[in-house]
C-alpha cells in the first residue's frame, strides 16, 4: 500500500494506471487489522493439505472474524499462504470476485499482485498466439496480465490496450470511429 515509504506498489500503480479512478487502500485498523493486514493462524498440518483446502480454511477463519459477508465488506482480500502444502502454486485470483491468493514470496512481487487483482476486476491472461506452447498463456509482456516478474518495485507498466479499454478508465479520452459511417468524420492525432 506504500504505507512504509515504498514508492512503487500495487496502490500507486492502480492509481497511476487508472488516472486516479481506482485507489487501493488498506482496510482501517481495528483490534485485528493492522495496516490492512490480518494474521490468521490455522491449526493444520500443511503437508497433509492442498492449497485449495488451506485457502478455504482461511476464508472460514475470516468469516468467523468479520461475518459471513466478508466478501462484501472488503473490495479485495489477498490471502498469503506459506510454503509446504501438498501441492504448490504461484498465485491465483478469482475472476470478478474479491479473493486472490499468493504463495509466500510471490505476494511481494508487484506484477503478481497486479495480475491477480486484475482477475478480480474481470481481466483474463494476456497471451500470444505464436511461440512455444508453454509460453503462450502469459506471453504478452505489454501489460500486467501477461508474464510476471520477480520484482518488488517493477516493472512500471499498466494493462495492455484491450484490458485498459475493458476497465473503462479512459472513457473521457477515447473516441469510437466507425469507418462505414459517412456522415460522421473524426480528425485528430493517434
Protein backbone atom coordinates (compact mmCIF):
# COMPACT_ATOMS: atom_id res chain seq x y z
CA UNK A 1 0.00 0.00 0.00
CA UNK A 2 3.04 2.27 0.18
CA UNK A 3 2.48 2.90 3.87
CA UNK A 4 6.14 2.25 4.71
CA UNK A 5 7.56 4.59 2.07
CA UNK A 6 7.58 2.08 -0.82
CA UNK A 7 7.11 4.39 -3.82
CA UNK A 8 6.16 1.75 -6.42
CA UNK A 9 3.50 -0.57 -5.08
CA UNK A 10 0.14 -2.01 -6.06
CA UNK A 11 -1.72 1.02 -4.72
CA UNK A 12 0.42 3.54 -6.61
CA UNK A 13 0.28 1.52 -9.85
CA UNK A 14 -3.52 1.21 -9.83
CA UNK A 15 -3.83 4.90 -9.04
CA UNK A 16 -1.50 5.88 -11.88
CA UNK A 17 -2.81 3.37 -14.42
CA UNK A 18 -6.43 4.38 -13.78
CA UNK A 19 -5.69 8.12 -13.62
CA UNK A 20 -6.97 8.13 -10.06
CA UNK A 21 -10.20 6.23 -10.78
CA UNK A 22 -9.15 3.16 -8.73
CA UNK A 23 -7.46 3.60 -5.40
CA UNK A 24 -6.34 0.63 -3.36
CA UNK A 25 -6.14 1.48 0.34
CA UNK A 26 -5.60 -0.68 3.40
CA UNK A 27 -8.65 -1.52 5.48
CA UNK A 28 -8.89 0.70 8.57
CA UNK A 29 -7.11 -0.54 11.67
CA UNK A 30 -9.17 -2.48 14.19
CA UNK A 31 -8.30 -4.83 17.02
CA UNK A 32 -7.38 -7.49 14.41
CA UNK A 33 -6.40 -5.37 11.37
CA UNK A 34 -3.07 -3.55 11.32
CA UNK A 35 -2.09 -1.56 8.21
CA UNK A 36 -4.62 -3.54 6.17
CA UNK A 37 -3.26 -6.91 7.30
CA UNK A 38 -4.96 -9.65 9.32
CA UNK A 39 -2.99 -12.65 10.52
CA UNK A 40 -4.98 -15.88 10.66
CA UNK A 41 -3.45 -18.98 12.24
CA UNK A 42 -4.72 -22.34 11.05
CA UNK A 43 -4.26 -25.39 13.24
CA UNK A 44 -3.44 -27.78 10.38
CA UNK A 45 -0.60 -29.93 9.13
CA UNK A 46 0.27 -28.18 5.87
CA UNK A 47 1.98 -31.27 4.42
CA UNK A 48 -1.38 -33.06 4.52
CA UNK A 49 -3.46 -30.25 2.98
CA UNK A 50 -3.77 -28.82 -0.51
CA UNK A 51 -3.51 -25.12 -1.24
CA UNK A 52 -7.25 -25.04 -2.06
CA UNK A 53 -8.10 -26.53 1.34
CA UNK A 54 -5.85 -24.03 3.14
CA UNK A 55 -7.47 -21.18 1.22
CA UNK A 56 -10.95 -22.45 2.15
CA UNK A 57 -9.99 -22.74 5.82
CA UNK A 58 -8.56 -19.23 5.73
CA UNK A 59 -11.83 -17.87 4.33
CA UNK A 60 -13.77 -19.67 7.08
CA UNK A 61 -11.46 -18.11 9.68
CA UNK A 62 -12.02 -14.66 8.13
CA UNK A 63 -15.78 -15.22 8.20
CA UNK A 64 -15.54 -16.01 11.91
CA UNK A 65 -13.72 -12.72 12.45
CA UNK A 66 -15.73 -10.48 10.11
CA UNK A 67 -19.02 -12.30 9.44
CA UNK A 68 -20.31 -14.42 6.58
CA UNK A 69 -20.39 -11.43 4.22
CA UNK A 70 -16.66 -10.76 4.47
CA UNK A 71 -16.64 -10.65 0.64
CA UNK A 72 -18.98 -7.66 0.69
CA UNK A 73 -17.16 -5.85 3.49
CA UNK A 74 -13.86 -5.59 1.65
CA UNK A 75 -13.27 -4.97 -2.05
CA UNK A 76 -10.20 -7.22 -2.22
CA UNK A 77 -8.97 -9.95 0.09
CA UNK A 78 -5.41 -11.08 -0.55
CA UNK A 79 -4.56 -14.40 1.09
CA UNK A 80 -0.87 -15.18 1.51
CA UNK A 81 -0.07 -18.83 2.21
CA UNK A 82 3.29 -20.17 3.38
CA UNK A 83 5.19 -22.84 1.50
CA UNK A 84 4.89 -26.51 2.44
CA UNK A 85 1.50 -27.72 1.23
CA UNK A 86 0.90 -31.00 -0.59
CA UNK A 87 0.73 -29.10 -3.86
CA UNK A 88 2.20 -25.80 -4.95
CA UNK A 89 1.14 -22.68 -6.82
CA UNK A 90 2.38 -19.19 -7.60
CA UNK A 91 -0.81 -17.16 -7.20
CA UNK A 92 -4.37 -17.02 -8.45
CA UNK A 93 -7.17 -14.51 -8.45
CA UNK A 94 -10.83 -15.30 -8.92
CA UNK A 95 -12.46 -13.67 -11.91
CA UNK A 96 -14.93 -10.93 -10.89
CA UNK A 97 -14.61 -11.83 -7.20
CA UNK A 98 -12.82 -10.28 -4.25
CA UNK A 99 -10.32 -13.02 -3.35
CA UNK A 100 -6.82 -13.62 -4.62
CA UNK A 101 -4.23 -15.97 -3.11
CA UNK A 102 -0.45 -15.87 -3.17
CA UNK A 103 2.30 -18.32 -2.35
CA UNK A 104 4.65 -16.83 0.21
CA UNK A 105 7.24 -14.66 -1.56
CA UNK A 106 5.03 -14.23 -4.66
CA UNK A 107 2.89 -11.86 -2.60
CA UNK A 108 5.72 -9.31 -2.59
CA UNK A 109 6.03 -9.12 -6.39
CA UNK A 110 4.24 -6.13 -7.85
CA UNK A 111 3.39 -7.73 -11.20
CA UNK A 112 1.90 -10.79 -9.47
CA UNK A 113 -0.29 -8.58 -7.26
CA UNK A 114 -1.44 -6.52 -10.24
CA UNK A 115 -2.29 -9.60 -12.31
CA UNK A 116 -4.27 -11.35 -9.59
CA UNK A 117 -6.23 -8.22 -8.65
CA UNK A 118 -6.69 -7.76 -12.41
CA UNK A 119 -8.52 -11.11 -12.40
CA UNK A 120 -10.71 -9.82 -9.56
CA UNK A 121 -11.55 -6.87 -11.82
CA UNK A 122 -12.61 -9.21 -14.63
CA UNK A 123 -9.44 -9.42 -16.71
CA UNK A 124 -8.08 -12.64 -18.21
CA UNK A 125 -4.48 -13.51 -19.03
CA UNK A 126 -2.68 -11.76 -21.87
CA UNK A 127 -1.19 -14.38 -24.11
CA UNK A 128 0.27 -14.65 -27.56
CA UNK A 129 -0.69 -16.92 -30.44
CA UNK A 130 2.80 -17.88 -31.59
CA UNK A 131 5.92 -19.29 -29.99
CA UNK A 132 6.42 -22.25 -27.66
CA UNK A 133 3.12 -23.58 -26.30
CA UNK A 134 4.26 -23.29 -22.66
CA UNK A 135 4.94 -19.56 -23.10
CA UNK A 136 1.72 -18.58 -24.87
CA UNK A 137 -0.62 -18.19 -21.86
CA UNK A 138 1.40 -15.33 -20.32
CA UNK A 139 3.34 -14.32 -23.44
CA UNK A 140 2.10 -10.74 -23.77
CA UNK A 141 4.67 -8.64 -21.94
CA UNK A 142 2.99 -5.29 -22.74
CA UNK A 143 0.90 -5.29 -19.55
CA UNK A 144 0.39 -6.84 -16.15
CA UNK A 145 -1.92 -9.67 -17.28
CA UNK A 146 0.92 -11.41 -19.12
CA UNK A 147 4.25 -12.50 -17.73
CA UNK A 148 5.12 -11.81 -14.07
CA UNK A 149 8.43 -10.52 -12.84
CA UNK A 150 10.12 -11.36 -9.55
CA UNK A 151 10.44 -7.70 -8.60
CA UNK A 152 9.13 -5.73 -5.65
CA UNK A 153 9.36 -2.38 -7.43
CA UNK A 154 8.55 -3.07 -11.02
CA UNK A 155 8.12 -3.15 -13.81
CA UNK A 156 6.42 0.17 -14.29
CA UNK A 157 3.65 -0.62 -16.76
CA UNK A 158 -0.14 -0.81 -16.86
CA UNK A 159 -2.60 -3.17 -18.53
CA UNK A 160 -2.48 -3.65 -22.29
CA UNK A 161 -4.83 -1.80 -24.66
CA UNK A 162 -7.75 -4.27 -24.70
CA UNK A 163 -7.72 -4.63 -20.92
CA UNK A 164 -7.44 -0.89 -20.39
CA UNK A 165 -10.43 -0.44 -22.71
CA UNK A 166 -12.42 -3.05 -20.78
CA UNK A 167 -11.74 -1.35 -17.44
CA UNK A 168 -13.17 1.89 -18.83
CA UNK A 169 -10.66 4.14 -17.12
CA UNK A 170 -10.04 6.29 -20.20
CA UNK A 171 -13.62 6.84 -21.40
CA UNK A 172 -13.14 10.58 -21.33
CA UNK A 173 -10.05 10.23 -23.56
CA UNK A 174 -11.12 7.98 -26.41
CA UNK A 175 -13.36 8.08 -29.40
CA UNK A 176 -15.02 5.24 -31.31
CA UNK A 177 -14.94 5.63 -35.07
CA UNK A 178 -16.98 3.53 -37.49
CA UNK A 179 -15.32 3.74 -40.92
CA UNK A 180 -18.57 2.65 -42.59
CA UNK A 181 -20.43 5.72 -41.35
CA UNK A 182 -20.02 8.51 -43.88
CA UNK A 183 -21.91 11.27 -42.10
CA UNK A 184 -19.54 11.37 -39.12
CA UNK A 185 -15.92 12.27 -39.51
CA UNK A 186 -13.13 12.39 -36.96
CA UNK A 187 -9.85 14.21 -37.29
CA UNK A 188 -7.11 14.16 -34.73
CA UNK A 189 -3.84 12.60 -33.70
CA UNK A 190 -3.32 8.96 -32.76
